[in-house]
């Protein structure tokens, strides 16, 4: 198939990660793939590094005449079988240009906030494929009034070539931050934001570190509450065992420095990308028992689902996985779990089947 992905958002958050991994998965599966991206954005930089074809455009809003012209040129040049979009500002441009050029449209929706009423009603009915990134997300969309037969599910893919056990890199990263080789490291990867549960984790780590001298924490990410987190860590008794790394372009490899990943979010989550990335590296995950996170790990086998926001439960679970044998049992099947459900070849094949799955009921 020939696929034109449109992702002109400048952010480097979850939407960009999903867009890039889907595009790379389809390219690796042998499909002809091109993209529209903003030359000043994170996505374009990553596409350039990967040697994938892309062209500049930026949809600042749904009108943006220069971006519409760039999209029309790309359609005429590539003659794609599908247009694929991931970002809200581009949903309507893709619908309009798809209709004008006779090209079907596949839209991914991975954000929890509702769209306006018109878009909420029309987009799943006008797009030939409207795709949620988890069963939880699909149920939420249907509850809001989207027709159940118009919303499909396709999980996020993970690049298991990048996210893989890498003891040498993990050891070097520990050395970089002064973490002892025999330390038990709780990792956090994500936005430093209250909704992501950073304060729940910090509060759970304080007594856990008191009970387990080997315990360290590695925090990877940036965000609006980063300085609040720094302040709380400094006020605790174990500040020297917290290591704040900021945002890192090699975050996918950093899991190998961790003994376990903590995903303590207290907000609605459509899925758990960092959960599957960590498991692909052979790292067990402690995740909040909430929404799409529950679909990203095998509870009791590759990690544990914990009560949302309950500090004592998080402390106890962290201490449980400080036991080397208990942690090894959960780590043993983590990568195989991800490879079978979320690896790029698996998700790319599922996406191809979804796109080729017969006539569109709205056509």
Protein backbone atom coordinates (compact mmCIF):
# COMPACT_ATOMS: atom_id res chain seq x y z
CA UNK A 1 0.00 0.00 0.00
CA UNK A 2 0.93 3.65 -0.42
CA UNK A 3 0.29 5.63 2.77
CA UNK A 4 0.51 9.37 3.34
CA UNK A 5 0.83 10.18 7.05
CA UNK A 6 0.06 13.77 8.08
CA UNK A 7 1.53 14.96 11.39
CA UNK A 8 2.49 18.62 11.45
CA UNK A 9 2.25 19.04 15.23
CA UNK A 10 5.47 20.30 16.83
CA UNK A 11 5.12 18.50 20.15
CA UNK A 12 7.25 15.52 21.16
CA UNK A 13 4.70 13.94 23.51
CA UNK A 14 2.64 10.77 23.15
CA UNK A 15 0.95 11.75 19.89
CA UNK A 16 4.28 12.23 18.16
CA UNK A 17 5.58 8.93 19.52
CA UNK A 18 2.51 7.11 18.21
CA UNK A 19 2.69 8.82 14.81
CA UNK A 20 6.36 7.98 14.34
CA UNK A 21 6.08 4.39 15.49
CA UNK A 22 3.07 3.70 13.24
CA UNK A 23 4.82 5.27 10.25
CA UNK A 24 8.04 3.35 10.89
CA UNK A 25 6.12 0.11 11.44
CA UNK A 26 4.37 0.39 8.09
CA UNK A 27 7.60 1.35 6.29
CA UNK A 28 9.40 -1.63 7.85
CA UNK A 29 6.54 -3.89 6.69
CA UNK A 30 7.29 -2.92 3.09
CA UNK A 31 4.59 -0.33 2.43
CA UNK A 32 5.41 2.91 0.58
CA UNK A 33 5.21 5.61 3.22
CA UNK A 34 5.61 9.38 3.11
CA UNK A 35 4.72 12.10 5.61
CA UNK A 36 3.83 15.74 5.92
CA UNK A 37 5.53 17.31 8.93
CA UNK A 38 6.60 20.71 10.20
CA UNK A 39 10.27 21.29 9.41
CA UNK A 40 10.67 22.99 12.81
CA UNK A 41 9.03 20.18 14.77
CA UNK A 42 10.18 17.07 16.57
CA UNK A 43 8.52 14.69 14.09
CA UNK A 44 10.38 16.05 11.06
CA UNK A 45 13.70 15.75 12.88
CA UNK A 46 13.05 12.11 13.71
CA UNK A 47 11.93 11.33 10.16
CA UNK A 48 15.11 12.92 8.84
CA UNK A 49 17.23 10.79 11.17
CA UNK A 50 15.39 7.65 10.07
CA UNK A 51 15.84 8.46 6.38
CA UNK A 52 12.09 8.47 5.71
CA UNK A 53 10.48 10.67 3.05
CA UNK A 54 8.69 13.75 4.34
CA UNK A 55 7.56 17.15 3.09
CA UNK A 56 7.02 20.37 4.98
CA UNK A 57 3.57 21.60 6.00
CA UNK A 58 2.02 23.01 9.14
CA UNK A 59 -1.65 23.06 10.06
CA UNK A 60 -1.88 25.82 12.64
CA UNK A 61 -5.66 25.35 12.38
CA UNK A 62 -8.10 23.52 10.13
CA UNK A 63 -7.90 26.22 7.43
CA UNK A 64 -4.17 26.98 6.90
CA UNK A 65 -4.25 27.42 3.06
CA UNK A 66 -0.49 26.75 2.54
CA UNK A 67 -0.78 23.45 4.41
CA UNK A 68 -3.85 22.47 2.37
CA UNK A 69 -1.91 23.18 -0.82
CA UNK A 70 1.04 21.10 0.42
CA UNK A 71 -1.32 18.23 1.27
CA UNK A 72 -2.97 18.39 -2.15
CA UNK A 73 0.45 18.35 -3.87
CA UNK A 74 1.54 15.35 -1.82
CA UNK A 75 -1.64 13.46 -2.71
CA UNK A 76 -1.21 14.14 -6.41
CA UNK A 77 2.45 13.09 -6.30
CA UNK A 78 2.19 9.93 -4.20
CA UNK A 79 -1.33 8.86 -5.19
CA UNK A 80 -1.78 7.22 -1.78
CA UNK A 81 -4.19 4.41 -1.04
CA UNK A 82 -4.86 5.97 2.38
CA UNK A 83 -4.41 9.24 4.23
CA UNK A 84 -3.49 8.69 7.89
CA UNK A 85 -3.84 11.31 10.64
CA UNK A 86 -3.10 11.46 14.36
CA UNK A 87 -3.72 15.08 15.42
CA UNK A 88 -6.98 16.95 15.90
CA UNK A 89 -6.07 20.01 13.83
CA UNK A 90 -5.59 17.78 10.80
CA UNK A 91 -8.75 15.68 11.04
CA UNK A 92 -10.96 17.98 8.97
CA UNK A 93 -8.27 18.87 6.40
CA UNK A 94 -7.75 15.15 5.80
CA UNK A 95 -11.49 14.54 5.45
CA UNK A 96 -11.84 17.44 2.98
CA UNK A 97 -8.78 16.58 0.88
CA UNK A 98 -9.64 12.88 0.98
CA UNK A 99 -13.07 13.62 -0.46
CA UNK A 100 -11.69 15.99 -3.09
CA UNK A 101 -9.12 13.45 -4.31
CA UNK A 102 -11.07 10.24 -3.73
CA UNK A 103 -8.64 8.90 -1.11
CA UNK A 104 -9.94 7.12 2.02
CA UNK A 105 -8.94 8.47 5.43
CA UNK A 106 -7.86 6.68 8.62
CA UNK A 107 -7.88 8.79 11.80
CA UNK A 108 -6.32 7.77 15.10
CA UNK A 109 -7.80 9.24 18.28
CA UNK A 110 -5.79 8.76 21.45
CA UNK A 111 -6.74 11.75 23.57
CA UNK A 112 -9.36 11.60 26.30
CA UNK A 113 -10.93 15.10 26.02
CA UNK A 114 -14.05 15.21 23.91
CA UNK A 115 -14.05 17.02 20.58
CA UNK A 116 -16.72 19.60 19.83
CA UNK A 117 -20.18 18.14 19.15
CA UNK A 118 -20.00 18.51 15.39
CA UNK A 119 -16.64 16.77 15.11
CA UNK A 120 -17.62 14.13 17.66
CA UNK A 121 -20.65 13.23 15.56
CA UNK A 122 -19.33 13.59 12.02
CA UNK A 123 -15.68 12.51 12.05
CA UNK A 124 -16.20 8.82 12.86
CA UNK A 125 -18.93 8.74 10.24
CA UNK A 126 -16.96 10.51 7.49
CA UNK A 127 -13.55 8.85 8.01
CA UNK A 128 -13.31 5.42 6.43
CA UNK A 129 -11.49 4.21 9.55
CA UNK A 130 -11.69 5.82 13.00
CA UNK A 131 -9.26 4.10 15.35
CA UNK A 132 -8.96 4.05 19.13
CA UNK A 133 -5.69 2.98 20.77
CA UNK A 134 -7.28 0.73 23.41
CA UNK A 135 -10.52 -1.02 24.26
CA UNK A 136 -10.97 1.53 27.04
CA UNK A 137 -10.71 4.39 24.53
CA UNK A 138 -13.20 2.71 22.20
CA UNK A 139 -15.70 2.21 25.03
CA UNK A 140 -15.32 5.87 26.00
CA UNK A 141 -15.96 7.06 22.44
CA UNK A 142 -19.01 4.81 22.05
CA UNK A 143 -20.35 6.05 25.39
CA UNK A 144 -20.12 9.58 24.01
CA UNK A 145 -22.29 8.65 21.07
CA UNK A 146 -19.92 7.43 18.37
CA UNK A 147 -21.38 4.44 16.49
CA UNK A 148 -19.81 1.23 17.77
CA UNK A 149 -19.38 -0.22 14.28
CA UNK A 150 -17.37 2.85 13.19
CA UNK A 151 -14.67 2.69 15.91
CA UNK A 152 -11.88 0.11 15.66
CA UNK A 153 -9.03 -0.62 18.06
CA UNK A 154 -5.33 -0.77 17.24
CA UNK A 155 -2.77 -0.75 20.03
CA UNK A 156 0.37 1.40 19.99
CA UNK A 157 3.38 -0.34 18.42
CA UNK A 158 6.76 -0.41 20.09
CA UNK A 159 10.11 -0.69 18.32
CA UNK A 160 11.58 -3.76 20.01
CA UNK A 161 14.86 -3.11 18.22
CA UNK A 162 15.29 0.15 20.14
CA UNK A 163 13.48 -0.93 23.29
CA UNK A 164 15.41 -4.06 24.20
CA UNK A 165 17.51 -5.33 27.09
CA UNK A 166 20.83 -3.49 26.92
CA UNK A 167 22.88 -4.15 30.08
CA UNK A 168 25.92 -2.26 28.77
CA UNK A 169 23.93 0.91 28.11
CA UNK A 170 22.05 0.52 31.39
CA UNK A 171 25.31 0.14 33.31
CA UNK A 172 26.82 3.19 31.63
CA UNK A 173 23.73 5.27 32.44
CA UNK A 174 23.85 4.19 36.07
CA UNK A 175 27.51 5.19 36.17
CA UNK A 176 26.65 8.57 34.62
CA UNK A 177 24.31 9.34 37.54
CA UNK A 178 26.37 7.74 40.26
CA UNK A 179 23.97 4.85 40.82
CA UNK A 180 25.68 1.76 42.27
CA UNK A 181 25.70 -1.34 40.03
CA UNK A 182 23.82 -3.38 42.67
CA UNK A 183 21.15 -0.73 43.30
CA UNK A 184 17.45 -1.45 42.81
CA UNK A 185 16.26 1.38 40.56
CA UNK A 186 12.66 2.55 40.29
CA UNK A 187 12.24 4.43 37.02
CA UNK A 188 9.72 7.03 35.93
CA UNK A 189 9.46 8.14 32.29
CA UNK A 190 7.00 10.85 31.30
CA UNK A 191 5.75 14.35 31.80
CA UNK A 192 6.51 15.86 35.20
CA UNK A 193 2.94 16.70 35.96
CA UNK A 194 0.68 16.06 38.96
CA UNK A 195 -1.75 14.06 36.86
CA UNK A 196 1.01 11.56 36.04
CA UNK A 197 1.26 10.68 39.74
CA UNK A 198 4.78 12.02 40.33
CA UNK A 199 3.94 13.13 43.88
CA UNK A 200 2.32 9.78 44.69
CA UNK A 201 5.53 8.06 43.60
CA UNK A 202 7.80 10.45 45.48
CA UNK A 203 5.76 10.00 48.66
CA UNK A 204 5.85 6.20 48.28
CA UNK A 205 9.59 6.21 47.68
CA UNK A 206 10.40 8.07 50.88
CA UNK A 207 9.44 5.21 53.28
CA UNK A 208 10.49 2.58 50.73
CA UNK A 209 14.00 4.05 50.61
CA UNK A 210 14.04 4.12 54.41
CA UNK A 211 13.30 0.39 54.45
CA UNK A 212 15.58 -0.59 51.52
CA UNK A 213 19.05 1.00 51.43
CA UNK A 214 19.70 -0.26 47.87
CA UNK A 215 16.70 1.63 46.44
CA UNK A 216 17.29 4.53 44.01
CA UNK A 217 14.96 6.46 41.69
CA UNK A 218 15.67 7.57 38.12
CA UNK A 219 13.30 10.26 36.81
CA UNK A 220 13.26 10.92 33.04
CA UNK A 221 11.19 13.77 31.64
CA UNK A 222 10.28 17.41 31.91
CA UNK A 223 7.08 19.25 32.73
CA UNK A 224 5.35 22.02 34.66
CA UNK A 225 5.71 20.41 38.10
CA UNK A 226 9.39 19.47 37.76
CA UNK A 227 10.53 22.16 40.19
CA UNK A 228 7.84 21.13 42.69
CA UNK A 229 9.15 17.59 42.51
CA UNK A 230 12.73 18.78 43.03
CA UNK A 231 11.62 20.73 46.10
CA UNK A 232 9.81 17.73 47.60
CA UNK A 233 12.79 15.47 46.95
CA UNK A 234 15.18 17.94 48.59
CA UNK A 235 12.88 18.13 51.62
CA UNK A 236 13.05 14.35 52.08
CA UNK A 237 15.69 12.28 53.80
CA UNK A 238 17.00 10.50 50.69
CA UNK A 239 17.55 13.23 48.11
CA UNK A 240 20.93 11.79 47.08
CA UNK A 241 19.20 8.63 45.85
CA UNK A 242 16.91 10.50 43.44
CA UNK A 243 18.38 11.18 40.00
CA UNK A 244 16.56 13.62 37.70
CA UNK A 245 17.76 13.15 34.14
CA UNK A 246 15.46 15.56 32.32
CA UNK A 247 14.14 14.68 28.88
CA UNK A 248 16.40 12.38 26.84
CA UNK A 249 16.26 11.56 23.15
CA UNK A 250 17.46 8.04 24.03
CA UNK A 251 14.64 7.41 26.52
CA UNK A 252 13.78 4.13 24.79
CA UNK A 253 17.16 2.72 25.85
CA UNK A 254 17.10 4.15 29.39
CA UNK A 255 14.79 1.45 30.72
CA UNK A 256 17.79 -0.87 30.82
CA UNK A 257 19.16 1.18 33.73
CA UNK A 258 16.00 0.43 35.74
CA UNK A 259 14.95 -2.51 37.84
CA UNK A 260 11.26 -1.64 37.55
CA UNK A 261 9.14 1.09 35.96
CA UNK A 262 6.56 3.01 37.96
CA UNK A 263 3.54 4.35 36.05
CA UNK A 264 1.53 5.93 38.89
CA UNK A 265 -0.83 8.16 36.89
CA UNK A 266 -3.93 9.50 38.61
CA UNK A 267 -5.50 10.91 35.43
CA UNK A 268 -7.34 9.21 32.58
CA UNK A 269 -4.96 7.33 30.29
CA UNK A 270 -6.01 5.97 26.92
CA UNK A 271 -3.10 3.51 26.87
CA UNK A 272 0.30 2.92 28.48
CA UNK A 273 3.10 3.44 25.96
CA UNK A 274 5.89 3.65 28.55
CA UNK A 275 4.58 0.42 30.06
CA UNK A 276 5.10 -1.58 26.87
CA UNK A 277 8.44 0.12 26.19
CA UNK A 278 9.74 -0.92 29.62
CA UNK A 279 8.50 -4.49 29.25
CA UNK A 280 10.15 -4.71 25.83
CA UNK A 281 13.40 -4.01 27.69
CA UNK A 282 12.65 -6.87 30.10
CA UNK A 283 11.60 -4.54 32.93
CA UNK A 284 8.49 -5.26 35.08
CA UNK A 285 5.96 -2.45 35.48
CA UNK A 286 3.97 -1.12 38.40
CA UNK A 287 0.97 0.68 36.93
CA UNK A 288 -2.17 2.37 38.17
CA UNK A 289 -5.27 0.23 37.83
CA UNK A 290 -6.92 2.73 35.53
CA UNK A 291 -8.27 2.92 31.99
CA UNK A 292 -5.96 1.81 29.16
CA UNK A 293 -2.98 1.12 31.45
CA UNK A 294 -4.65 -2.12 32.49
CA UNK A 295 -4.42 -3.32 28.85
CA UNK A 296 -0.67 -2.70 28.66
CA UNK A 297 0.61 -5.35 31.10
CA UNK A 298 -0.23 -8.80 32.41
CA UNK A 299 -1.17 -8.21 36.04
CA UNK A 300 0.76 -10.52 38.34
CA UNK A 301 2.90 -11.82 35.47
CA UNK A 302 4.81 -8.92 33.87
CA UNK A 303 3.96 -6.34 36.52
CA UNK A 304 1.26 -5.27 38.91
CA UNK A 305 -1.76 -2.99 38.76
CA UNK A 306 -2.12 -0.87 41.88
CA UNK A 307 -4.85 1.30 43.44
CA UNK A 308 -4.81 4.80 42.01
CA UNK A 309 -3.12 7.34 44.27
CA UNK A 310 -2.74 5.04 47.29
CA UNK A 311 0.76 5.80 48.57
CA UNK A 312 0.94 2.84 50.97
CA UNK A 313 0.06 0.36 48.21
CA UNK A 314 2.75 1.82 45.96
CA UNK A 315 5.33 1.67 48.77
CA UNK A 316 4.53 -1.98 49.46
CA UNK A 317 4.65 -2.95 45.76
CA UNK A 318 8.01 -1.23 45.29
CA UNK A 319 9.42 -3.08 48.29
CA UNK A 320 7.99 -6.36 47.00
CA UNK A 321 9.92 -5.93 43.74
CA UNK A 322 13.09 -5.07 45.63
CA UNK A 323 13.28 -8.83 46.14
CA UNK A 324 15.51 -10.00 43.31
CA UNK A 325 13.72 -13.34 42.80
CA UNK A 326 10.24 -11.76 42.72
CA UNK A 327 11.42 -9.15 40.25
CA UNK A 328 13.12 -11.73 38.04
CA UNK A 329 9.91 -13.80 37.83
CA UNK A 330 7.97 -10.81 36.48
CA UNK A 331 10.76 -9.70 34.17
CA UNK A 332 11.10 -13.15 32.60
CA UNK A 333 8.01 -12.96 30.38
CA UNK A 334 7.81 -9.21 29.87
CA UNK A 335 9.51 -8.97 26.48
CA UNK A 336 7.65 -11.96 25.03
CA UNK A 337 4.36 -10.39 26.17
CA UNK A 338 5.16 -7.21 24.23
CA UNK A 339 6.49 -8.99 21.15
CA UNK A 340 3.29 -11.00 20.83
CA UNK A 341 0.91 -8.03 21.16
CA UNK A 342 2.60 -4.69 20.54
CA UNK A 343 5.69 -5.19 18.37
CA UNK A 344 5.91 -3.23 15.11
CA UNK A 345 5.43 -6.27 12.82
CA UNK A 346 2.35 -7.39 14.76
CA UNK A 347 0.71 -3.95 14.81
CA UNK A 348 1.66 -3.18 11.19
CA UNK A 349 0.02 -6.42 10.04
CA UNK A 350 -3.08 -5.62 12.08
CA UNK A 351 -3.24 -2.10 10.60
CA UNK A 352 -2.93 -3.45 7.06
CA UNK A 353 -5.75 -5.92 7.74
CA UNK A 354 -7.87 -3.14 9.18
CA UNK A 355 -7.34 -0.92 6.13
CA UNK A 356 -7.98 -3.75 3.69
CA UNK A 357 -10.92 -5.17 5.61
CA UNK A 358 -13.66 -4.79 3.06
CA UNK A 359 -16.02 -2.02 1.97
CA UNK A 360 -16.58 1.02 4.12
CA UNK A 361 -20.15 1.08 5.47
CA UNK A 362 -20.28 4.88 5.06
CA UNK A 363 -19.11 4.85 1.44
